């Protein structure tokens, strides 16, 4: 029969665990998110998108990962061409994002969540949809509208995607400074963290931040052109160019509209930057010997791969306890593997000519940069949690003796899990390709990832035909939309 101190220790531990699990499942607390998503991602890798939806972990609306689960579901439904349901689920996530932006509600809910996280891990908190994920949400929602021939609805979504990046740009620098200051107050310097935490420099590449997405600006430009708003299209093409300055497709679109709109200063500026092939007007056409007098435009968006998941890593850092003595603690932190997968992109053959797509965004790089910027805040929460758990262990040891000490120690080890949540069904890389074709039905050959297929597209004069190509593993499929 258990003695009184043992009963006390068990009651304390159960209270600890139950408070941590309020609104969060045991699997969320004690199992990494990427492991929970493994079955769904394996099915996605095989092109079995409906099966992937069925393998998603079920979560209630009160669960902190509910919004993220909806994102995964909506993305897989989009891939399965279930655009109506995908649109509904993305709309639910957007409403959640709007509610989360109400400061009073955030503070009220976060007070409770932070208590739960202190006695468990970051998985007990509500998952905030990152800025790069929000912009992709609106891009897919825009494509959902386009599949229903609703250009005006698509434009609303693309404006929202651009607004997300604008808000992020305004908030980013101050948030970075504040989180680094807070981490320093806990006794952890940026230098000591950098010396222990695995580098993600290769994964991050050349991106400046985790939210500026050239793809959303490029898609915005395409849709504005389709709506006859050339000035707005030009502005967004230039924003895409600023992020991806060496993308030839973007350069050609900027030059084309600069000359069309008579942007004298820009023509002089870009004339010095762009190659002579672009500035002489030697665009990709059905006939390289002369410019087409009548043509439409084929715009190909190429999604490749699946974004890698976060992994859990452990590092040891010296941390001051509440008694002001220094101890080394092991921190469980999320990280991305420090490598970028190489993609060959799309090779398009048309009437004896070959055209090559170019990357417009590497979502893994945005995700890795986002995580790098978040790391000071993550470490600060970890330090607070480790110190609090040590205090609770000592308290249970005093009240429950060896049994309380052992139980608390086991709970602390089991609950120390990194938060590996992220939108993990996104593509890894997106390429673009654009060329002028004569009006009418045209056959083009698409070569990607070792597979080849010939498709027929309908080209309308002075209009855009959008082809969205998806290549995941051995799966390849496309959708064609006339704008």
Protein backbone atom coordinates (compact mmCIF):
# COMPACT_ATOMS: atom_id res chain seq x y z
CA UNK A 1 0.00 0.00 0.00
CA UNK A 2 1.30 3.46 -0.87
CA UNK A 3 2.32 5.76 1.96
CA UNK A 4 1.02 9.31 2.30
CA UNK A 5 4.05 11.04 0.69
CA UNK A 6 3.85 8.67 -2.30
CA UNK A 7 0.16 9.45 -2.75
CA UNK A 8 0.91 13.15 -2.60
CA UNK A 9 3.60 12.84 -5.25
CA UNK A 10 1.32 10.90 -7.59
CA UNK A 11 -1.51 13.40 -7.13
CA UNK A 12 0.89 16.27 -7.86
CA UNK A 13 2.18 14.54 -10.96
CA UNK A 14 -1.30 13.73 -12.25
CA UNK A 15 -2.36 17.34 -11.70
CA UNK A 16 0.74 18.42 -13.58
CA UNK A 17 0.01 16.19 -16.54
CA UNK A 18 -3.71 16.96 -16.69
CA UNK A 19 -3.13 20.72 -16.60
CA UNK A 20 -0.67 20.36 -19.46
CA UNK A 21 -3.11 18.33 -21.51
CA UNK A 22 -6.00 20.78 -21.30
CA UNK A 23 -6.84 21.40 -24.96
CA UNK A 24 -3.94 19.21 -26.05
CA UNK A 25 -3.87 15.46 -26.66
CA UNK A 26 -1.34 13.15 -25.00
CA UNK A 27 0.02 12.30 -28.44
CA UNK A 28 0.71 15.99 -29.10
CA UNK A 29 2.64 16.32 -25.84
CA UNK A 30 4.67 13.13 -25.94
CA UNK A 31 5.10 12.47 -29.69
CA UNK A 32 6.71 14.78 -32.24
CA UNK A 33 4.40 16.25 -34.86
CA UNK A 34 6.53 15.04 -37.76
CA UNK A 35 6.15 11.44 -36.52
CA UNK A 36 2.37 11.88 -36.33
CA UNK A 37 2.38 13.13 -39.94
CA UNK A 38 4.61 10.39 -41.33
CA UNK A 39 1.79 8.18 -42.64
CA UNK A 40 0.01 11.08 -44.35
CA UNK A 41 3.24 12.34 -45.93
CA UNK A 42 4.13 8.86 -47.18
CA UNK A 43 0.73 8.64 -48.89
CA UNK A 44 1.23 12.14 -50.33
CA UNK A 45 4.64 11.09 -51.66
CA UNK A 46 2.90 8.32 -53.60
CA UNK A 47 0.22 10.67 -54.96
CA UNK A 48 -2.51 9.05 -52.81
CA UNK A 49 -3.97 12.33 -51.58
CA UNK A 50 -7.36 11.09 -50.41
CA UNK A 51 -5.65 8.38 -48.39
CA UNK A 52 -3.31 11.02 -46.99
CA UNK A 53 -6.33 13.02 -45.77
CA UNK A 54 -7.68 9.93 -44.00
CA UNK A 55 -4.32 9.43 -42.24
CA UNK A 56 -4.19 12.92 -40.74
CA UNK A 57 -4.38 12.91 -36.92
CA UNK A 58 -7.86 13.89 -35.75
CA UNK A 59 -8.05 17.05 -33.64
CA UNK A 60 -10.93 18.90 -32.04
CA UNK A 61 -11.48 22.65 -32.38
CA UNK A 62 -10.15 23.14 -28.84
CA UNK A 63 -6.84 21.51 -29.76
CA UNK A 64 -3.93 23.92 -30.16
CA UNK A 65 -2.96 22.32 -33.47
CA UNK A 66 -6.46 22.38 -34.97
CA UNK A 67 -5.69 25.24 -37.39
CA UNK A 68 -2.51 23.53 -38.57
CA UNK A 69 -4.41 20.28 -39.07
CA UNK A 70 -6.91 22.15 -41.25
CA UNK A 71 -4.05 23.57 -43.33
CA UNK A 72 -2.71 20.07 -43.96
CA UNK A 73 -6.17 18.82 -44.86
CA UNK A 74 -6.95 21.74 -47.18
CA UNK A 75 -3.62 21.35 -49.02
CA UNK A 76 -4.19 17.61 -49.58
CA UNK A 77 -7.76 18.26 -50.72
CA UNK A 78 -6.39 20.82 -53.17
CA UNK A 79 -4.02 18.19 -54.58
CA UNK A 80 -6.94 15.74 -54.83
CA UNK A 81 -8.86 18.37 -56.90
CA UNK A 82 -11.48 18.64 -54.16
CA UNK A 83 -11.44 22.42 -54.48
CA UNK A 84 -14.77 23.14 -52.77
CA UNK A 85 -13.80 21.38 -49.54
CA UNK A 86 -10.28 22.78 -49.73
CA UNK A 87 -11.73 26.27 -50.04
CA UNK A 88 -13.96 25.75 -46.99
CA UNK A 89 -11.09 24.48 -44.84
CA UNK A 90 -8.73 27.30 -45.86
CA UNK A 91 -11.51 29.78 -45.01
CA UNK A 92 -11.78 28.27 -41.52
CA UNK A 93 -8.04 28.70 -40.99
CA UNK A 94 -8.20 32.31 -42.18
CA UNK A 95 -10.94 33.05 -39.65
CA UNK A 96 -8.74 31.57 -36.94
CA UNK A 97 -5.85 33.78 -38.01
CA UNK A 98 -8.10 36.84 -37.87
CA UNK A 99 -9.29 35.95 -34.38
CA UNK A 100 -5.71 35.41 -33.21
CA UNK A 101 -4.82 38.93 -34.32
CA UNK A 102 -7.17 40.41 -31.74
CA UNK A 103 -4.69 41.34 -29.04
CA UNK A 104 -7.04 41.05 -26.07
CA UNK A 105 -8.03 37.49 -26.92
CA UNK A 106 -4.42 36.51 -27.56
CA UNK A 107 -3.29 37.73 -24.15
CA UNK A 108 -6.16 36.02 -22.36
CA UNK A 109 -5.64 32.64 -24.00
CA UNK A 110 -1.87 32.79 -23.96
CA UNK A 111 -1.78 33.28 -20.20
CA UNK A 112 -3.41 29.87 -19.75
CA UNK A 113 -1.36 28.26 -22.51
CA UNK A 114 1.93 29.48 -21.07
CA UNK A 115 1.15 27.84 -17.73
CA UNK A 116 0.53 24.58 -19.55
CA UNK A 117 3.76 24.94 -21.56
CA UNK A 118 5.83 25.57 -18.42
CA UNK A 119 4.91 22.16 -17.02
CA UNK A 120 5.04 20.30 -20.34
CA UNK A 121 6.44 21.68 -23.63
CA UNK A 122 5.69 24.12 -26.44
CA UNK A 123 3.27 21.63 -28.01
CA UNK A 124 0.80 22.65 -25.29
CA UNK A 125 0.49 26.13 -26.84
CA UNK A 126 -1.70 27.09 -29.76
CA UNK A 127 0.14 26.86 -33.07
CA UNK A 128 0.41 30.28 -34.69
CA UNK A 129 0.28 30.14 -38.49
CA UNK A 130 3.58 31.62 -39.66
CA UNK A 131 3.62 34.49 -42.15
CA UNK A 132 5.03 32.38 -45.00
CA UNK A 133 2.31 29.79 -44.31
CA UNK A 134 -0.38 32.49 -44.34
CA UNK A 135 0.79 33.79 -47.72
CA UNK A 136 0.72 30.25 -49.15
CA UNK A 137 -2.75 29.74 -47.68
CA UNK A 138 -4.01 32.71 -49.68
CA UNK A 139 -2.19 31.55 -52.83
CA UNK A 140 -3.92 28.17 -52.72
CA UNK A 141 -7.21 29.83 -51.93
CA UNK A 142 -6.72 32.07 -54.99
CA UNK A 143 -6.12 28.96 -57.11
CA UNK A 144 -9.26 27.38 -55.62
CA UNK A 145 -11.23 30.41 -56.83
CA UNK A 146 -9.62 30.20 -60.26
CA UNK A 147 -10.71 26.58 -60.55
CA UNK A 148 -14.25 27.92 -60.14
CA UNK A 149 -13.64 30.63 -62.78
CA UNK A 150 -13.83 33.34 -60.12
CA UNK A 151 -11.02 35.78 -60.92
CA UNK A 152 -12.36 38.49 -58.59
CA UNK A 153 -12.35 36.07 -55.64
CA UNK A 154 -8.80 35.03 -56.53
CA UNK A 155 -7.69 38.67 -56.56
CA UNK A 156 -9.10 39.19 -53.05
CA UNK A 157 -6.99 36.27 -51.82
CA UNK A 158 -3.85 37.43 -53.58
CA UNK A 159 -4.22 40.90 -52.04
CA UNK A 160 -4.45 39.21 -48.64
CA UNK A 161 -1.26 37.27 -49.39
CA UNK A 162 0.56 40.51 -50.19
CA UNK A 163 -0.85 42.20 -47.08
CA UNK A 164 0.55 39.37 -44.93
CA UNK A 165 4.06 40.09 -46.20
CA UNK A 166 3.60 43.81 -45.68
CA UNK A 167 2.55 43.29 -42.04
CA UNK A 168 5.40 40.85 -41.45
CA UNK A 169 7.96 43.30 -42.79
CA UNK A 170 6.76 45.95 -40.34
CA UNK A 171 6.78 43.63 -37.30
CA UNK A 172 9.87 41.53 -37.99
CA UNK A 173 12.81 43.64 -36.82
CA UNK A 174 11.30 44.67 -33.49
CA UNK A 175 10.19 41.13 -32.72
CA UNK A 176 13.71 39.82 -33.41
CA UNK A 177 15.28 42.43 -31.15
CA UNK A 178 12.82 41.80 -28.30
CA UNK A 179 13.26 38.02 -28.37
CA UNK A 180 17.06 38.29 -28.33
CA UNK A 181 16.92 40.72 -25.42
CA UNK A 182 14.63 38.41 -23.46
CA UNK A 183 16.92 35.42 -24.07
CA UNK A 184 19.92 37.41 -22.85
CA UNK A 185 18.08 38.22 -19.61
CA UNK A 186 17.80 34.46 -19.03
CA UNK A 187 21.58 34.15 -19.24
CA UNK A 188 21.85 32.74 -22.78
CA UNK A 189 23.75 34.80 -25.33
CA UNK A 190 23.26 34.61 -29.07
CA UNK A 191 26.89 33.51 -29.37
CA UNK A 192 26.56 30.60 -26.91
CA UNK A 193 23.37 29.43 -28.66
CA UNK A 194 25.00 29.64 -32.09
CA UNK A 195 27.97 27.58 -30.88
CA UNK A 196 25.71 24.71 -29.76
CA UNK A 197 22.73 24.80 -32.12
CA UNK A 198 23.26 23.03 -35.48
CA UNK A 199 23.73 25.37 -38.44
CA UNK A 200 20.91 25.77 -40.97
CA UNK A 201 22.88 28.12 -43.24
CA UNK A 202 22.70 25.82 -46.27
CA UNK A 203 18.97 25.25 -45.81
CA UNK A 204 18.37 28.98 -45.42
CA UNK A 205 20.44 29.86 -48.46
CA UNK A 206 20.24 33.50 -49.52
CA UNK A 207 16.80 34.42 -48.16
CA UNK A 208 16.79 37.58 -46.04
CA UNK A 209 13.77 36.67 -43.91
CA UNK A 210 11.20 33.94 -43.46
CA UNK A 211 8.19 35.61 -45.04
CA UNK A 212 9.01 37.44 -48.30
CA UNK A 213 7.75 35.08 -50.99
CA UNK A 214 8.45 35.96 -54.63
CA UNK A 215 5.96 33.33 -55.79
CA UNK A 216 2.98 35.12 -54.23
CA UNK A 217 4.03 38.39 -55.89
CA UNK A 218 4.52 36.68 -59.25
CA UNK A 219 1.12 34.96 -59.09
CA UNK A 220 -0.34 38.31 -58.09
CA UNK A 221 1.16 39.92 -61.19
CA UNK A 222 -0.29 37.20 -63.43
CA UNK A 223 -3.76 37.66 -61.97
CA UNK A 224 -3.62 41.45 -62.17
CA UNK A 225 -2.67 41.17 -65.83
CA UNK A 226 -5.59 38.81 -66.41
CA UNK A 227 -7.86 41.45 -64.85
CA UNK A 228 -6.44 44.17 -67.12
CA UNK A 229 -4.61 45.94 -64.27
CA UNK A 230 -1.18 46.28 -65.86
CA UNK A 231 0.13 48.88 -63.40
CA UNK A 232 -0.66 46.70 -60.39
CA UNK A 233 0.87 43.70 -62.17
CA UNK A 234 4.04 45.66 -62.86
CA UNK A 235 4.40 46.64 -59.20
CA UNK A 236 4.18 43.04 -58.04
CA UNK A 237 6.48 41.69 -60.75
CA UNK A 238 9.05 44.20 -59.52
CA UNK A 239 8.58 42.95 -55.95
CA UNK A 240 9.16 39.39 -57.13
CA UNK A 241 12.27 40.59 -59.00
CA UNK A 242 13.61 42.24 -55.85
CA UNK A 243 13.46 38.88 -54.04
CA UNK A 244 14.59 36.69 -56.97
CA UNK A 245 16.66 39.10 -59.12
CA UNK A 246 18.18 36.41 -61.36
CA UNK A 247 14.93 34.73 -62.42
CA UNK A 248 14.84 35.29 -66.19
CA UNK A 249 11.06 34.81 -66.45
CA UNK A 250 10.49 37.60 -63.92
CA UNK A 251 13.04 39.81 -65.68
CA UNK A 252 11.20 39.39 -68.99
CA UNK A 253 7.83 40.24 -67.46
CA UNK A 254 9.23 43.34 -65.76
CA UNK A 255 10.88 44.48 -69.00
CA UNK A 256 7.77 43.72 -71.06
CA UNK A 257 5.50 45.82 -68.85
CA UNK A 258 8.09 48.54 -68.33
CA UNK A 259 8.19 49.10 -72.10
CA UNK A 260 4.42 48.70 -72.47
CA UNK A 261 3.70 51.24 -69.71
CA UNK A 262 6.48 53.62 -70.78
CA UNK A 263 8.42 53.47 -67.50
CA UNK A 264 11.36 55.52 -68.78
CA UNK A 265 13.46 55.51 -65.60
CA UNK A 266 12.97 51.80 -65.05
CA UNK A 267 13.76 51.03 -68.69
CA UNK A 268 17.11 52.76 -68.26
CA UNK A 269 17.76 50.99 -64.95
CA UNK A 270 16.81 47.51 -66.11
CA UNK A 271 18.46 48.03 -69.48
CA UNK A 272 21.79 48.07 -67.63
CA UNK A 273 20.90 45.04 -65.48
CA UNK A 274 19.22 42.63 -67.88
CA UNK A 275 20.86 40.69 -70.68
CA UNK A 276 20.68 41.96 -74.23
CA UNK A 277 18.43 39.01 -75.16
CA UNK A 278 15.76 40.45 -72.89
CA UNK A 279 16.18 44.14 -73.67
CA UNK A 280 16.20 43.55 -77.44
CA UNK A 281 12.81 41.90 -77.04
CA UNK A 282 14.05 38.42 -78.02
CA UNK A 283 11.25 36.70 -76.06
CA UNK A 284 10.33 33.02 -76.18
CA UNK A 285 7.84 32.64 -78.99
CA UNK A 286 6.52 29.98 -81.32
CA UNK A 287 8.83 31.38 -83.97
CA UNK A 288 12.24 32.63 -82.84
CA UNK A 289 12.77 34.36 -86.19
CA UNK A 290 10.15 37.03 -85.66
CA UNK A 291 7.78 38.37 -83.04
CA UNK A 292 4.22 37.17 -83.03
CA UNK A 293 1.66 39.74 -84.13
CA UNK A 294 -1.09 37.79 -82.33
CA UNK A 295 -0.39 35.64 -79.30
CA UNK A 296 -1.47 34.54 -75.87
CA UNK A 297 0.66 33.60 -72.91
CA UNK A 298 1.26 30.21 -71.34
CA UNK A 299 2.20 30.52 -67.65
CA UNK A 300 3.40 27.34 -65.94
CA UNK A 301 3.64 27.04 -62.14
CA UNK A 302 5.70 24.01 -61.17
CA UNK A 303 5.45 22.57 -57.63
CA UNK A 304 8.13 20.02 -56.73
CA UNK A 305 8.63 17.72 -53.78
CA UNK A 306 7.35 18.03 -50.23
CA UNK A 307 8.87 20.43 -47.72
CA UNK A 308 11.11 18.62 -45.19
CA UNK A 309 9.81 18.29 -41.63
CA UNK A 310 11.44 19.74 -38.55
CA UNK A 311 13.62 17.38 -36.54
CA UNK A 312 14.33 17.34 -32.82
CA UNK A 313 17.88 18.04 -31.63
CA UNK A 314 19.33 18.24 -28.13
CA UNK A 315 21.90 20.77 -27.00
CA UNK A 316 23.48 21.45 -23.59
CA UNK A 317 23.63 24.99 -22.26
CA UNK A 318 24.68 26.48 -18.91
CA UNK A 319 21.59 27.97 -17.25
CA UNK A 320 21.16 29.81 -13.96
CA UNK A 321 18.52 28.28 -11.68
CA UNK A 322 16.13 30.21 -9.45
CA UNK A 323 18.74 29.87 -6.67
CA UNK A 324 21.26 31.65 -8.92
CA UNK A 325 23.53 28.65 -9.30
CA UNK A 326 24.59 27.55 -12.76
CA UNK A 327 23.84 24.08 -14.11
CA UNK A 328 24.04 22.47 -17.51
CA UNK A 329 20.65 21.54 -18.92
CA UNK A 330 19.69 19.58 -22.03
CA UNK A 331 17.29 21.47 -24.30
CA UNK A 332 15.10 19.73 -26.89
CA UNK A 333 14.85 22.11 -29.86
CA UNK A 334 13.39 21.94 -33.39
CA UNK A 335 15.72 22.17 -36.36
CA UNK A 336 15.83 21.59 -40.12
CA UNK A 337 18.44 19.39 -41.74
CA UNK A 338 21.13 21.61 -43.20
CA UNK A 339 20.77 20.71 -46.84
CA UNK A 340 18.66 21.63 -49.85
CA UNK A 341 17.44 19.01 -52.25
CA UNK A 342 18.26 19.75 -55.89
CA UNK A 343 15.41 19.88 -58.43
CA UNK A 344 15.89 19.84 -62.18
CA UNK A 345 12.70 21.79 -62.80
CA UNK A 346 10.52 21.58 -65.90
CA UNK A 347 11.87 21.23 -69.42
CA UNK A 348 9.17 22.20 -71.93
CA UNK A 349 9.46 21.28 -75.61
CA UNK A 350 7.46 23.10 -78.27
CA UNK A 351 7.95 22.95 -82.03
CA UNK A 352 11.59 21.93 -81.74
CA UNK A 353 12.49 24.49 -79.08
CA UNK A 354 13.20 23.73 -75.42
CA UNK A 355 12.43 26.06 -72.51
CA UNK A 356 13.52 25.62 -68.88
CA UNK A 357 11.67 26.65 -65.73
CA UNK A 358 13.43 28.56 -62.93
CA UNK A 359 12.88 28.54 -59.18
CA UNK A 360 10.79 31.38 -57.74
CA UNK A 361 10.66 30.22 -54.10
CA UNK A 362 12.27 27.55 -51.91
CA UNK A 363 9.80 27.09 -49.08
CA UNK A 364 12.26 25.08 -46.99
CA UNK A 365 14.53 28.13 -46.94
CA UNK A 366 11.69 30.37 -45.73
CA UNK A 367 10.75 27.82 -43.06
CA UNK A 368 14.35 27.44 -41.87
CA UNK A 369 14.86 31.20 -41.70
CA UNK A 370 11.59 31.58 -39.82
CA UNK A 371 12.77 29.00 -37.29
CA UNK A 372 16.18 30.64 -36.95
CA UNK A 373 14.51 33.97 -36.17
CA UNK A 374 12.21 32.30 -33.64
CA UNK A 375 15.01 30.43 -31.85
CA UNK A 376 15.75 33.07 -29.17
CA UNK A 377 12.09 33.05 -28.09
CA UNK A 378 11.99 29.22 -28.18
CA UNK A 379 15.14 28.97 -26.04
CA UNK A 380 13.80 31.53 -23.57
CA UNK A 381 10.65 29.45 -23.06
CA UNK A 382 12.80 26.34 -22.69
CA UNK A 383 14.92 27.96 -19.99
CA UNK A 384 11.85 29.06 -18.04
CA UNK A 385 10.38 25.59 -18.38
CA UNK A 386 13.52 23.72 -17.30
CA UNK A 387 13.97 25.87 -14.23
CA UNK A 388 10.28 25.52 -13.31
CA UNK A 389 10.36 21.74 -13.79
CA UNK A 390 13.46 21.48 -11.61
CA UNK A 391 11.66 23.42 -8.89
CA UNK A 392 8.66 21.10 -9.15
CA UNK A 393 10.93 18.06 -9.00
CA UNK A 394 12.55 19.33 -5.84
CA UNK A 395 9.15 20.09 -4.34
CA UNK A 396 7.87 16.59 -5.14
CA UNK A 397 11.08 15.12 -3.76
CA UNK A 398 10.51 16.91 -0.46
CA UNK A 399 6.85 15.87 -0.28
CA UNK A 400 7.04 12.42 -1.87
CA UNK A 401 10.58 11.30 -1.11
CA UNK A 402 12.38 9.08 -3.60
CA UNK A 403 9.13 8.07 -5.28
CA UNK A 404 8.17 11.69 -5.94
CA UNK A 405 11.68 12.47 -7.15
CA UNK A 406 11.70 9.53 -9.56
CA UNK A 407 8.19 10.18 -10.89
CA UNK A 408 8.89 13.88 -11.44
CA UNK A 409 12.17 13.07 -13.13
CA UNK A 410 10.53 10.56 -15.46
CA UNK A 411 7.75 13.02 -16.31
CA UNK A 412 10.28 15.78 -17.04
CA UNK A 413 12.23 13.52 -19.41
CA UNK A 414 9.10 12.19 -21.17
CA UNK A 415 7.53 15.64 -21.60
CA UNK A 416 10.67 17.38 -22.86
CA UNK A 417 9.80 17.33 -26.54
CA UNK A 418 10.67 19.89 -29.22
CA UNK A 419 7.81 21.58 -31.04
CA UNK A 420 8.23 20.22 -34.58
CA UNK A 421 4.92 21.54 -35.86
CA UNK A 422 4.79 23.27 -39.24
CA UNK A 423 2.72 23.06 -42.43
CA UNK A 424 4.41 19.91 -43.65
CA UNK A 425 2.44 19.07 -46.82
CA UNK A 426 3.60 22.18 -48.70
CA UNK A 427 5.80 21.78 -51.78
CA UNK A 428 9.52 22.22 -51.26
CA UNK A 429 10.29 24.25 -54.39
CA UNK A 430 8.19 26.20 -56.90
CA UNK A 431 9.40 27.06 -60.41
CA UNK A 432 7.86 29.26 -63.10
CA UNK A 433 8.00 29.36 -66.88
CA UNK A 434 6.26 31.71 -69.30
CA UNK A 435 6.18 31.93 -73.10
CA UNK A 436 4.10 33.38 -75.90
CA UNK A 437 2.12 30.99 -78.12
CA UNK A 438 -0.15 31.48 -81.11
CA UNK A 439 -3.92 31.41 -80.37
CA UNK A 440 -5.67 28.07 -80.65
CA UNK A 441 -5.00 24.57 -79.36
CA UNK A 442 -1.30 23.97 -78.88
CA UNK A 443 0.56 20.82 -77.92
CA UNK A 444 3.52 21.10 -75.57
CA UNK A 445 5.71 18.35 -74.12
CA UNK A 446 6.45 18.49 -70.40
CA UNK A 447 9.57 16.75 -69.07
CA UNK A 448 10.07 16.64 -65.30
CA UNK A 449 11.62 14.32 -62.78
CA UNK A 450 12.33 11.67 -65.41
CA UNK A 451 8.81 11.54 -66.82
CA UNK A 452 7.46 13.02 -70.04
CA UNK A 453 3.95 13.78 -71.25
CA UNK A 454 2.34 15.81 -74.01
CA UNK A 455 -0.59 18.06 -73.13
CA UNK A 456 -2.91 20.24 -75.17
CA UNK A 457 -3.57 23.79 -74.00
CA UNK A 458 -6.05 26.33 -75.28
CA UNK A 459 -4.38 29.70 -75.96
CA UNK A 460 -6.53 32.81 -76.36
CA UNK A 461 -5.27 36.01 -77.93
CA UNK A 462 -3.96 38.55 -75.38
CA UNK A 463 -5.01 36.24 -72.52
CA UNK A 464 -3.14 34.00 -70.09
CA UNK A 465 -3.46 30.22 -69.84
CA UNK A 466 -2.31 29.02 -66.43
CA UNK A 467 -0.94 25.50 -66.03
CA UNK A 468 -0.21 24.29 -62.50
CA UNK A 469 2.08 21.26 -62.59
CA UNK A 470 2.65 19.10 -59.49
CA UNK A 471 5.60 16.71 -59.27
CA UNK A 472 5.97 14.65 -56.08
CA UNK A 473 8.17 11.57 -56.26
CA UNK A 474 6.91 9.49 -59.18
CA UNK A 475 3.58 11.36 -59.23
CA UNK A 476 3.07 14.06 -61.86
CA UNK A 477 -0.18 15.83 -62.74
CA UNK A 478 -1.36 19.18 -64.03
CA UNK A 479 -4.34 21.53 -64.17
CA UNK A 480 -5.03 24.03 -66.94
CA UNK A 481 -7.02 27.23 -66.35
CA UNK A 482 -7.85 29.91 -68.93
CA UNK A 483 -7.76 33.35 -67.32
